[in-house]
Amino acid sequence: METFSSQLVEEAEDIGPEEWLGLADALDKAMLLAGIDRTESAIRRINLMSALVAAVGPSSDSLRNPDAAVAIFLDALPMEFKEASALVINWRQANREDIRRLRSIKNLLTPLVSIESLVVDAVGKETIGKWMTLLSRLP
């Protein structure tokens, strides 16, 4: 998976618009076949999307679309903002499962830092902005 992602970023400038959708489908199938769970799959996809946007800029295609990255983030969240806000205050006293879920949020959110300003959807932008307030406090 890492090799596929690395090559995709390196060769992104040479990929035509019609090829992006096929690559997104191939990535999804590869992660499914590799047995990567839903959260880890979302983390890897958002990281790849962020790297591709940095390499060749945003686009409306599924792998370079900042709004699509936000949708993936929101779909993969293991808890609501209110619960995360409460847990992050004293996360060191939280149980292991809650700490793992907070760490997943951090891993999902971190790659969005570099593309947050490119999010067009107003609701998505506001939602990500709210989650970003927790980033420095997440384990």
Foldseek 3Di string as FASTA:
>chain_A
DVVLLVVCLVCVVVDDPVCLQVSVVVLVVVCVVVVPDLLVSLLVQLLSLLSNCVRPRADPRCSPHLQNLLVSLVVNQPDDPVVLVVCLVPVVPDDPVVLVSLVSNLSSLVSSVNCLVVHDDPVSNVVSVSSVVCNVSRD
